[in-house]
Amino acid sequence: MRTDTIAAIATAMSSSGIGIIRISGDEAVGIVDRIFSMKNGKKLSDMPTHTIHYGHIKDVDEVIDEVMVVLMRAPKSYTKEDTVEIDCHGGVYVMKRVLETVIKYGARPAEPGEFTKRAFLNGRIDLAQAEAVMKLISSENNYALDSALSQLEGNLSKYIENIRQDILHDTGYIEAALDDPEHYELGEFRFELKDRLQNDREKLNELIEHFDDGRMKSEGINTVIVGKPNAGKSSLMNLLLDEDRAIVTNVAGTTRDILEERVKLGDVILNLVDTAGIHETNDIVENIGVNKAIEYADKCDFIIYVVDSSERLDDADFQIIDILQQKKGVILMNKSDLNPVITVEDIQKKLNWECITFSNETKQGMKELENYVNNSFLDGNISFNNQVYLTGIRHKEAVISAIESINAVLQAIDDDMPEDFYTIDMMDAYKELGLINGETASEDLVNKIFKEFCMGK
């Protein structure tokens, strides 16, 4: 089957040393032959695969750039199609001129993610591996990188596919026995099937149980800064970001809206949210901010509770402490550069969290905060090891649906229903799990996933 030849800039659109224009499709080599002048006078189409060549990109007689051209013939390329990559100088104008020339001579502009989509459609990678490509590009720490690499290598796909094959084998056996009862015995099979399905369900439940671990590993830890007005929350936000992102004044209640930023703290990524000070207020706008703060604190992974240690605990603190019970977080005893009037013991009687003596002004306690967060999430309850993780809500929903279908089969077995009742739900589980690697994904779902990719990938 012949396909359009596509082209796009595969590197960032900013002035840099090198820019790459990627071309893929049946006419990739022919198009480059028409615009690439090699020093030795030969044509790219005469060259062997996986070689690199020096010359100039020209539009008729106009020299556009001095380049190196990489040739990768099908099927040994990223897309499994003939692929050419032009390594030109990295100026924005130069890259655009080279791309315009490639398009002028027969290619069309690639859609977002179309190269990876072709790799998926041509069978080089499955859908879970394709999604891992973008996770790899966007990874911001070693743990996100390791998770993306694991998924790209197919570890999640293999894990899911083993379960799918178990289900398919048993479904096939049941259908064969129903069609040919003389040669296939179903007498004790339901008990064997129940054991296998319970084992498969346990494996899937393990993925769900560790979903938040995988999400935090891949996307960062949703962290909310809470405290009463003027405790130093916004100053902490600015300190962690190393910029004046939040407005800071001596007037209590300056922050009324929600500020969200990402920050790297040691080896951990925090999806940081600065909230309005929690306290009783009659101000309608401020009250909305307070309610939002409480809502975010309820849903987040981790909380940084900023306490003004230069003032006695008051009703606002007690309100916050009530909200934070049974949650995970750390207490910063802020304004330690002033004269503290409350102690660690005072607050730990109310909330048994780790307390760190802290100052936004002098940066006292910053290293302790970094160490505590990293130790909590890397060596404590959340360990980033070689376990297979679900890192996307799409995968989680598919697994949950598969578990529900398996539960229906197990219930049918317990209710002593006929075997032909089992196969419908078993095939539903098989299809739901197939959404993860893309085997049963609709064209609309595939298109939606790849539209979220960056251009040129």
Protein backbone atom coordinates (compact mmCIF):
# COMPACT_ATOMS: atom_id res chain seq x y z
CA MET A 1 0.00 0.00 0.00
CA ARG A 2 1.42 3.36 -1.04
CA THR A 3 1.23 6.27 1.38
CA ASP A 4 1.70 10.01 1.19
CA THR A 5 5.21 11.21 1.86
CA ILE A 6 5.22 13.45 4.92
CA ALA A 7 7.75 15.93 6.25
CA ALA A 8 8.21 18.03 9.37
CA ILE A 9 10.82 19.77 11.47
CA ALA A 10 11.74 17.23 14.15
CA THR A 11 13.72 19.56 16.42
CA ALA A 12 12.69 22.55 18.51
CA MET A 13 11.83 25.73 16.64
CA SER A 14 14.58 27.85 18.16
CA SER A 15 18.02 28.89 17.06
CA SER A 16 20.37 26.02 17.76
CA GLY A 17 23.38 24.31 16.26
CA ILE A 18 21.49 21.60 14.38
CA GLY A 19 17.99 21.30 12.96
CA ILE A 20 16.46 18.08 11.62
CA ILE A 21 13.85 17.80 8.89
CA ARG A 22 12.32 14.30 8.85
CA ILE A 23 10.77 12.86 5.70
CA SER A 24 8.93 9.51 5.54
CA GLY A 25 7.02 7.69 2.82
CA ASP A 26 7.35 6.02 -0.56
CA GLU A 27 8.72 9.14 -2.27
CA ALA A 28 11.06 10.25 0.52
CA VAL A 29 14.25 9.29 -1.31
CA GLY A 30 13.03 10.54 -4.70
CA ILE A 31 12.05 13.94 -3.29
CA VAL A 32 15.44 14.40 -1.63
CA ASP A 33 17.17 13.32 -4.85
CA ARG A 34 15.58 16.35 -6.54
CA ILE A 35 16.85 18.87 -3.99
CA PHE A 36 20.05 17.32 -2.59
CA SER A 37 23.32 17.83 -4.41
CA MET A 38 26.02 15.45 -3.17
CA LYS A 39 29.67 16.48 -3.44
CA ASN A 40 30.58 13.28 -5.29
CA GLY A 41 27.85 13.84 -7.86
CA LYS A 42 25.95 10.68 -6.97
CA LYS A 43 22.28 10.37 -6.12
CA LEU A 44 20.91 9.46 -2.71
CA SER A 45 18.79 6.73 -4.34
CA ASP A 46 22.01 4.93 -5.33
CA MET A 47 23.26 4.81 -1.76
CA PRO A 48 22.86 1.87 0.66
CA THR A 49 20.58 2.14 3.67
CA HIS A 50 21.71 3.56 7.00
CA THR A 51 24.36 5.82 5.53
CA ILE A 52 25.01 9.53 5.90
CA HIS A 53 26.01 11.90 3.11
CA TYR A 54 27.35 15.45 2.77
CA GLY A 55 26.13 18.05 0.30
CA HIS A 56 23.78 20.99 -0.25
CA ILE A 57 20.01 21.47 -0.34
CA LYS A 58 19.08 23.40 -3.48
CA ASP A 59 15.94 24.78 -5.06
CA VAL A 60 17.00 24.58 -8.72
CA ASP A 61 20.27 26.59 -8.63
CA GLU A 62 19.66 28.37 -5.32
CA VAL A 63 21.72 26.91 -2.48
CA ILE A 64 19.65 26.90 0.72
CA ASP A 65 21.97 25.16 3.19
CA GLU A 66 24.97 22.92 3.66
CA VAL A 67 23.69 19.67 5.16
CA MET A 68 24.23 16.06 6.14
CA VAL A 69 21.55 13.62 4.95
CA VAL A 70 20.76 10.33 6.69
CA LEU A 71 19.18 7.57 4.62
CA MET A 72 17.13 4.77 6.25
CA ARG A 73 15.31 2.43 3.91
CA ALA A 74 12.17 0.47 4.84
CA PRO A 75 11.55 -1.51 6.91
CA LYS A 76 14.50 -0.60 9.15
CA SER A 77 13.39 2.88 10.12
CA TYR A 78 11.26 4.52 12.82
CA THR A 79 8.13 4.41 10.66
CA LYS A 80 9.08 1.19 8.78
CA GLU A 81 8.89 3.36 5.64
CA ASP A 82 11.69 4.88 3.58
CA THR A 83 12.91 7.70 5.79
CA VAL A 84 15.35 10.56 5.17
CA GLU A 85 16.53 13.02 7.78
CA ILE A 86 18.18 16.25 6.71
CA ASP A 87 20.57 17.65 9.32
CA CYS A 88 20.79 21.33 8.54
CA HIS A 89 21.84 24.40 10.50
CA GLY A 90 19.47 25.10 13.36
CA GLY A 91 18.28 28.59 12.61
CA VAL A 92 14.51 28.96 12.47
CA TYR A 93 14.54 30.55 9.02
CA VAL A 94 16.95 27.97 7.59
CA MET A 95 14.85 25.04 8.87
CA LYS A 96 11.68 26.57 7.45
CA ARG A 97 13.31 27.10 4.05
CA VAL A 98 14.54 23.51 3.89
CA LEU A 99 11.10 22.19 4.90
CA GLU A 100 9.35 24.44 2.38
CA THR A 101 11.63 23.08 -0.33
CA VAL A 102 10.92 19.47 0.63
CA ILE A 103 7.17 20.19 0.47
CA LYS A 104 7.54 22.07 -2.83
CA TYR A 105 9.04 18.96 -4.42
CA GLY A 106 6.35 16.51 -3.38
CA ALA A 107 5.97 15.95 0.37
CA ARG A 108 3.09 17.19 2.47
CA PRO A 109 3.31 18.64 6.01
CA ALA A 110 3.03 15.92 8.64
CA GLU A 111 0.23 16.06 11.18
CA PRO A 112 1.10 16.07 14.91
CA GLY A 113 2.43 12.65 15.89
CA GLU A 114 2.08 11.26 12.37
CA PHE A 115 5.52 9.66 12.26
CA THR A 116 4.81 7.72 15.45
CA LYS A 117 1.30 6.97 14.22
CA ARG A 118 2.82 5.35 11.13
CA ALA A 119 5.17 3.36 13.33
CA PHE A 120 2.07 2.09 15.16
CA LEU A 121 0.02 1.41 12.02
CA ASN A 122 2.96 -0.37 10.40
CA GLY A 123 3.35 -2.64 13.43
CA ARG A 124 6.71 -1.46 14.75
CA ILE A 125 5.24 -0.42 18.10
CA ASP A 126 1.86 -0.82 19.79
CA LEU A 127 -0.34 1.97 21.15
CA ALA A 128 1.02 1.82 24.70
CA GLN A 129 4.56 2.07 23.36
CA ALA A 130 3.54 4.99 21.14
CA GLU A 131 2.15 6.85 24.16
CA ALA A 132 5.42 6.16 25.97
CA VAL A 133 7.25 8.17 23.30
CA MET A 134 5.61 11.41 24.47
CA LYS A 135 6.11 10.45 28.11
CA LEU A 136 9.80 9.97 27.32
CA ILE A 137 10.02 13.40 25.68
CA SER A 138 8.23 15.13 28.58
CA SER A 139 10.04 13.26 31.40
CA GLU A 140 11.66 15.56 33.94
CA ASN A 141 13.39 13.15 36.31
CA ASN A 142 15.04 9.72 36.32
CA TYR A 143 11.92 8.00 37.58
CA ALA A 144 9.65 9.38 34.87
CA LEU A 145 12.35 8.51 32.34
CA ASP A 146 12.67 4.93 33.61
CA SER A 147 8.88 4.50 33.59
CA ALA A 148 8.59 5.78 30.01
CA LEU A 149 11.48 3.58 28.86
CA SER A 150 9.90 0.54 30.51
CA GLN A 151 6.62 1.20 28.69
CA LEU A 152 8.45 1.92 25.42
CA GLU A 153 10.28 -1.41 25.73
CA GLY A 154 6.90 -3.10 25.91
CA ASN A 155 6.86 -4.23 29.55
CA LEU A 156 3.29 -3.04 30.14
CA SER A 157 2.13 -4.47 26.82
CA LYS A 158 3.67 -7.87 27.59
CA TYR A 159 2.09 -7.91 31.04
CA ILE A 160 -1.36 -7.15 29.63
CA GLU A 161 -0.97 -9.44 26.62
CA ASN A 162 -0.17 -12.45 28.82
CA ILE A 163 -3.50 -11.95 30.61
CA ARG A 164 -5.33 -11.47 27.31
CA GLN A 165 -3.90 -14.72 25.94
CA ASP A 166 -5.03 -16.59 29.06
CA ILE A 167 -8.56 -15.27 28.55
CA LEU A 168 -8.52 -15.99 24.80
CA HIS A 169 -7.27 -19.56 25.33
CA ASP A 170 -9.99 -20.34 27.86
CA THR A 171 -12.68 -18.71 25.71
CA GLY A 172 -11.56 -20.78 22.75
CA TYR A 173 -11.67 -23.96 24.80
CA ILE A 174 -15.22 -23.26 26.00
CA GLU A 175 -16.46 -22.52 22.49
CA ALA A 176 -14.75 -25.64 21.14
CA ALA A 177 -16.34 -27.76 23.88
CA LEU A 178 -19.78 -26.33 23.19
CA ASP A 179 -19.38 -27.09 19.47
CA ASP A 180 -17.79 -30.52 19.94
CA PRO A 181 -18.71 -31.94 23.37
CA GLU A 182 -17.54 -35.43 22.39
CA HIS A 183 -13.89 -34.36 22.23
CA TYR A 184 -13.73 -31.58 24.83
CA GLU A 185 -14.64 -32.10 28.48
CA LEU A 186 -16.09 -29.22 30.51
CA GLY A 187 -16.80 -31.16 33.71
CA GLU A 188 -14.13 -29.71 36.02
CA PHE A 189 -13.10 -26.91 33.68
CA ARG A 190 -15.14 -24.22 35.45
CA PHE A 191 -13.08 -24.71 38.62
CA GLU A 192 -9.81 -24.44 36.71
CA LEU A 193 -11.19 -21.39 34.92
CA LYS A 194 -12.18 -19.77 38.21
CA ASP A 195 -8.63 -20.18 39.57
CA ARG A 196 -7.10 -18.67 36.44
CA LEU A 197 -9.52 -15.74 36.32
CA GLN A 198 -8.96 -14.99 40.00
CA ASN A 199 -5.23 -14.97 39.32
CA ASP A 200 -5.68 -12.64 36.32
CA ARG A 201 -7.94 -10.37 38.38
CA GLU A 202 -5.29 -10.19 41.10
CA LYS A 203 -2.69 -9.11 38.55
CA LEU A 204 -4.99 -6.41 37.21
CA ASN A 205 -5.94 -5.22 40.69
CA GLU A 206 -2.25 -4.84 41.45
CA LEU A 207 -1.97 -2.42 38.54
CA ILE A 208 -4.89 -0.38 39.88
CA GLU A 209 -3.47 -0.38 43.42
CA HIS A 210 -0.19 1.06 42.14
CA PHE A 211 -1.76 3.47 39.66
CA ASP A 212 -1.12 6.53 41.83
CA ASP A 213 2.51 5.42 42.25
CA GLY A 214 2.89 5.25 38.49
CA ARG A 215 1.09 8.53 37.92
CA MET A 216 3.26 10.35 40.43
CA LYS A 217 6.33 8.70 38.98
CA SER A 218 5.41 9.81 35.49
CA GLU A 219 3.54 13.09 35.96
CA GLY A 220 4.71 14.44 39.32
CA ILE A 221 3.26 14.66 42.82
CA ASN A 222 0.17 16.86 43.17
CA THR A 223 1.21 19.09 46.05
CA VAL A 224 -0.83 21.80 47.75
CA ILE A 225 0.54 24.57 49.94
CA VAL A 226 -1.94 25.42 52.71
CA GLY A 227 -1.91 27.72 55.71
CA LYS A 228 -3.72 30.67 57.17
CA PRO A 229 -3.42 34.13 55.57
CA ASN A 230 0.02 35.73 55.69
CA ALA A 231 1.74 32.54 56.88
CA GLY A 232 4.17 32.68 53.95
CA LYS A 233 2.59 30.32 51.40
CA SER A 234 3.13 32.53 48.37
CA SER A 235 6.66 33.38 49.48
CA LEU A 236 7.36 29.64 49.66
CA MET A 237 5.95 29.21 46.15
CA ASN A 238 8.28 31.92 44.86
CA LEU A 239 11.22 30.42 46.74
CA LEU A 240 10.68 26.95 45.28
CA LEU A 241 10.27 28.39 41.78
CA ASP A 242 13.16 30.81 42.22
CA GLU A 243 11.02 33.59 40.75
CA ASP A 244 8.32 36.04 41.83
CA ARG A 245 5.37 34.05 40.53
CA ALA A 246 2.94 34.85 43.37
CA ILE A 247 2.12 38.32 44.70
CA VAL A 248 3.51 38.78 48.20
CA THR A 249 2.48 41.59 50.56
CA ASN A 250 2.07 42.11 54.29
CA VAL A 251 -1.68 42.30 53.75
CA ALA A 252 -3.40 39.08 54.80
CA GLY A 253 -5.49 37.39 52.09
CA THR A 254 -3.52 38.59 49.05
CA THR A 255 -3.86 35.20 47.33
CA ARG A 256 -7.48 34.60 46.37
CA ASP A 257 -7.08 32.43 43.30
CA ILE A 258 -5.21 29.16 42.68
CA LEU A 259 -1.67 29.32 41.30
CA GLU A 260 -0.26 26.15 39.71
CA GLU A 261 3.36 25.48 38.72
CA ARG A 262 5.75 22.54 38.30
CA VAL A 263 8.96 22.48 40.28
CA LYS A 264 11.79 19.95 40.54
CA LEU A 265 12.80 19.33 44.13
CA GLY A 266 15.79 17.00 44.16
CA ASP A 267 14.74 13.97 42.10
CA VAL A 268 11.01 14.58 42.55
CA ILE A 269 8.66 16.69 40.42
CA LEU A 270 6.01 18.59 42.38
CA ASN A 271 2.86 19.84 40.66
CA LEU A 272 2.67 22.74 43.06
CA VAL A 273 -0.52 24.61 43.96
CA ASP A 274 -0.55 27.79 46.05
CA THR A 275 -3.96 28.36 47.62
CA ALA A 276 -5.80 31.10 49.45
CA GLY A 277 -5.29 31.29 53.20
CA ILE A 278 -7.83 29.10 55.00
CA HIS A 279 -9.86 31.04 57.57
CA GLU A 280 -13.37 32.27 58.28
CA THR A 281 -14.24 35.26 56.08
CA ASN A 282 -17.30 37.21 54.98
CA ASP A 283 -15.63 38.36 51.76
CA ILE A 284 -17.45 36.53 48.93
CA VAL A 285 -14.45 36.36 46.56
CA GLU A 286 -12.02 35.38 49.30
CA ASN A 287 -14.43 32.72 50.54
CA ILE A 288 -14.46 31.13 47.08
CA GLY A 289 -10.65 30.93 47.27
CA VAL A 290 -10.83 29.33 50.72
CA ASN A 291 -13.28 26.70 49.51
CA LYS A 292 -11.04 25.98 46.54
CA ALA A 293 -8.08 25.55 48.88
CA ILE A 294 -10.01 23.00 50.96
CA GLU A 295 -11.08 21.17 47.79
CA TYR A 296 -7.51 20.94 46.47
CA ALA A 297 -6.20 19.78 49.86
CA ASP A 298 -8.76 16.97 49.83
CA LYS A 299 -7.71 15.64 46.40
CA CYS A 300 -3.93 16.11 46.37
CA ASP A 301 -1.11 13.59 46.95
CA PHE A 302 0.91 15.70 49.38
CA ILE A 303 0.41 18.83 51.49
CA ILE A 304 2.88 21.44 52.69
CA TYR A 305 1.32 23.12 55.72
CA VAL A 306 2.96 26.51 56.33
CA VAL A 307 2.67 27.67 59.95
CA ASP A 308 3.56 31.18 61.10
CA SER A 309 5.71 30.24 64.10
CA SER A 310 5.86 33.89 65.22
CA GLU A 311 2.15 33.80 66.16
CA ARG A 312 0.16 31.58 68.47
CA LEU A 313 -2.02 28.89 66.92
CA ASP A 314 -5.51 30.28 66.43
CA ASP A 315 -8.91 29.18 65.13
CA ALA A 316 -7.70 29.31 61.52
CA ASP A 317 -4.86 26.88 62.35
CA PHE A 318 -7.23 24.57 64.20
CA GLN A 319 -9.58 24.60 61.20
CA ILE A 320 -6.69 23.66 58.90
CA ILE A 321 -5.45 20.94 61.26
CA ASP A 322 -8.91 19.36 61.27
CA ILE A 323 -8.89 19.29 57.47
CA LEU A 324 -5.41 17.72 57.31
CA GLN A 325 -6.05 14.77 59.61
CA GLN A 326 -5.47 11.41 57.87
CA LYS A 327 -3.61 13.08 55.01
CA LYS A 328 0.06 12.97 53.98
CA GLY A 329 2.24 16.05 54.32
CA VAL A 330 4.86 18.06 56.15
CA ILE A 331 4.69 21.12 58.43
CA LEU A 332 6.98 24.08 57.80
CA MET A 333 7.47 26.15 60.97
CA ASN A 334 7.94 29.33 58.97
CA LYS A 335 9.39 32.71 60.02
CA SER A 336 12.03 31.06 62.18
CA ASP A 337 14.15 34.20 61.61
CA LEU A 338 11.69 36.06 63.86
CA ASN A 339 10.97 35.19 67.48
CA PRO A 340 9.10 31.86 67.46
CA VAL A 341 6.30 31.64 70.01
CA ILE A 342 5.14 28.10 69.21
CA THR A 343 7.19 24.90 69.27
CA VAL A 344 7.19 21.69 67.32
CA GLU A 345 5.64 19.98 70.34
CA ASP A 346 2.78 22.50 70.38
CA ILE A 347 1.66 21.65 66.87
CA GLN A 348 2.50 17.92 66.85
CA LYS A 349 0.04 17.48 69.71
CA LYS A 350 -2.60 18.49 67.17
CA LEU A 351 -1.14 17.04 63.95
CA ASN A 352 1.46 14.28 64.03
CA TRP A 353 3.42 15.25 60.93
CA GLU A 354 7.10 15.89 60.43
CA CYS A 355 7.98 19.50 61.35
CA ILE A 356 10.78 21.46 59.71
CA THR A 357 12.09 24.74 61.09
CA PHE A 358 11.88 27.05 58.10
CA SER A 359 12.37 30.60 56.87
CA ASN A 360 11.45 31.97 53.47
CA GLU A 361 13.75 34.91 54.14
CA THR A 362 16.94 33.04 55.03
CA LYS A 363 16.11 29.77 53.20
CA GLN A 364 16.65 27.86 56.42
CA GLY A 365 15.09 24.42 56.10
CA MET A 366 15.08 24.22 52.28
CA LYS A 367 17.51 21.29 52.22
CA GLU A 368 15.56 19.52 54.95
CA LEU A 369 12.33 19.99 52.95
CA GLU A 370 13.97 18.58 49.82
CA ASN A 371 15.36 15.60 51.72
CA TYR A 372 12.03 14.89 53.41
CA VAL A 373 10.06 14.96 50.15
CA ASN A 374 12.60 12.80 48.33
CA ASN A 375 12.87 10.28 51.18
CA SER A 376 9.09 10.09 51.51
CA PHE A 377 8.43 9.40 47.87
CA LEU A 378 11.57 7.60 46.75
CA ASP A 379 12.48 5.44 49.73
CA GLY A 380 9.25 5.30 51.68
CA ASN A 381 5.71 4.37 50.80
CA ILE A 382 6.21 4.97 47.10
CA SER A 383 9.14 3.02 45.70
CA PHE A 384 10.07 3.45 42.05
CA ASN A 385 11.37 0.00 41.18
CA ASN A 386 11.01 -2.32 38.18
CA GLN A 387 7.33 -2.94 38.75
CA VAL A 388 5.00 -2.47 35.77
CA TYR A 389 2.91 0.68 36.24
CA LEU A 390 -0.15 2.16 34.65
CA THR A 391 0.66 5.81 34.03
CA GLY A 392 -2.41 7.02 32.14
CA ILE A 393 -6.09 7.29 32.99
CA ARG A 394 -6.98 5.63 29.67
CA HIS A 395 -5.12 2.50 30.71
CA LYS A 396 -6.67 2.56 34.18
CA GLU A 397 -10.21 2.78 32.82
CA ALA A 398 -9.58 -0.16 30.48
CA VAL A 399 -8.24 -2.30 33.33
CA ILE A 400 -11.17 -1.40 35.59
CA SER A 401 -13.62 -2.41 32.86
CA ALA A 402 -11.77 -5.69 32.33
CA ILE A 403 -11.91 -6.44 36.07
CA GLU A 404 -15.68 -5.80 36.06
CA SER A 405 -16.10 -8.28 33.19
CA ILE A 406 -13.98 -10.89 34.98
CA ASN A 407 -16.07 -10.39 38.12
CA ALA A 408 -19.19 -11.08 36.06
CA VAL A 409 -17.70 -14.38 34.87
CA LEU A 410 -16.73 -15.39 38.40
CA GLN A 411 -20.24 -14.60 39.59
CA ALA A 412 -21.69 -16.71 36.78
CA ILE A 413 -19.47 -19.60 37.85
CA ASP A 414 -20.58 -19.25 41.47
CA ASP A 415 -24.22 -19.14 40.30
CA ASP A 416 -23.65 -22.39 38.35
CA MET A 417 -24.65 -20.74 35.08
CA PRO A 418 -24.04 -22.55 31.75
CA GLU A 419 -20.56 -22.11 30.23
CA ASP A 420 -21.82 -20.16 27.23
CA PHE A 421 -22.67 -17.31 29.64
CA TYR A 422 -18.96 -16.99 30.46
CA THR A 423 -17.63 -16.26 26.99
CA ILE A 424 -19.48 -12.97 26.45
CA ASP A 425 -17.92 -11.32 29.51
CA MET A 426 -14.56 -12.99 28.90
CA MET A 427 -14.39 -11.49 25.41
CA ASP A 428 -15.43 -8.10 26.84
CA ALA A 429 -12.43 -8.29 29.20
CA TYR A 430 -10.20 -9.33 26.29
CA LYS A 431 -11.37 -6.36 24.20
CA GLU A 432 -11.04 -3.84 27.04
CA LEU A 433 -7.44 -4.88 27.67
CA GLY A 434 -6.83 -4.67 23.93
CA LEU A 435 -7.48 -0.93 24.12
CA ILE A 436 -4.18 -0.57 25.97
CA ASN A 437 -1.97 -1.91 23.19
CA GLY A 438 -4.35 -0.63 20.52
CA GLU A 439 -5.44 -3.98 19.11
CA THR A 440 -9.12 -3.23 19.74
CA ALA A 441 -8.89 0.58 19.68
CA SER A 442 -11.17 2.48 17.32
CA GLU A 443 -9.79 4.76 14.63
CA ASP A 444 -11.24 7.78 16.49
CA LEU A 445 -9.37 6.82 19.68
CA VAL A 446 -6.10 6.33 17.80
CA ASN A 447 -6.47 9.68 16.04
CA LYS A 448 -7.25 11.44 19.33
CA ILE A 449 -4.13 10.03 20.99
CA PHE A 450 -1.77 11.04 18.20
CA LYS A 451 -3.20 14.54 17.90
CA GLU A 452 -1.77 15.19 21.38
CA PHE A 453 1.78 14.54 20.08
CA CYS A 454 4.19 17.28 19.16
CA MET A 455 4.86 18.09 15.53
CA GLY A 456 7.64 16.09 13.90
CA LYS A 457 7.34 13.10 16.24
